[in-house]
């Protein structure tokens, strides 16, 4: 499972002109599910999102997690994170899990975040979404449960 996370002051997601999810201070997490992912990867991703220390303490050190700062997480499904651009001019998405596999794992990430007390907003799996954010920092990090990077 792969994620691009951004520390945000606020973020929202709009589908068909309607805002379906919004957060204030916290993390925007774009999450892609790999064909080889399972529930263990989803749980690991949720734990990483909850406990990753990417917020600054009073000494300006990255020592605080989203949980420590009472932040929220906006989770957006994004299969394009599994796009392979190494060959040719068009990305290959053969590593992106099909919806019947990806949806339950995406939902597991959300469920596990909530189980750890984090307020979560979500996008709409498979929909065309307009994502708006006010980046804080900017701070943008990459996470991969297979430790590709």
Foldseek 3Di string as FASTA:
>chain_A
DKKKKWFFQKKFKDFPRHTQWIWGGAMEIADFDFQPDDLVQLLVVLVCQAAPQQDQDPVGDSDDHCVRVLGAYEYEYDLCVQWDCPDDHDTDSNGTHDCVRPVVSSVSNVVSNVVVPHHYTYDDPPGDMDMDGHGPPGDIDMDDSVPPD
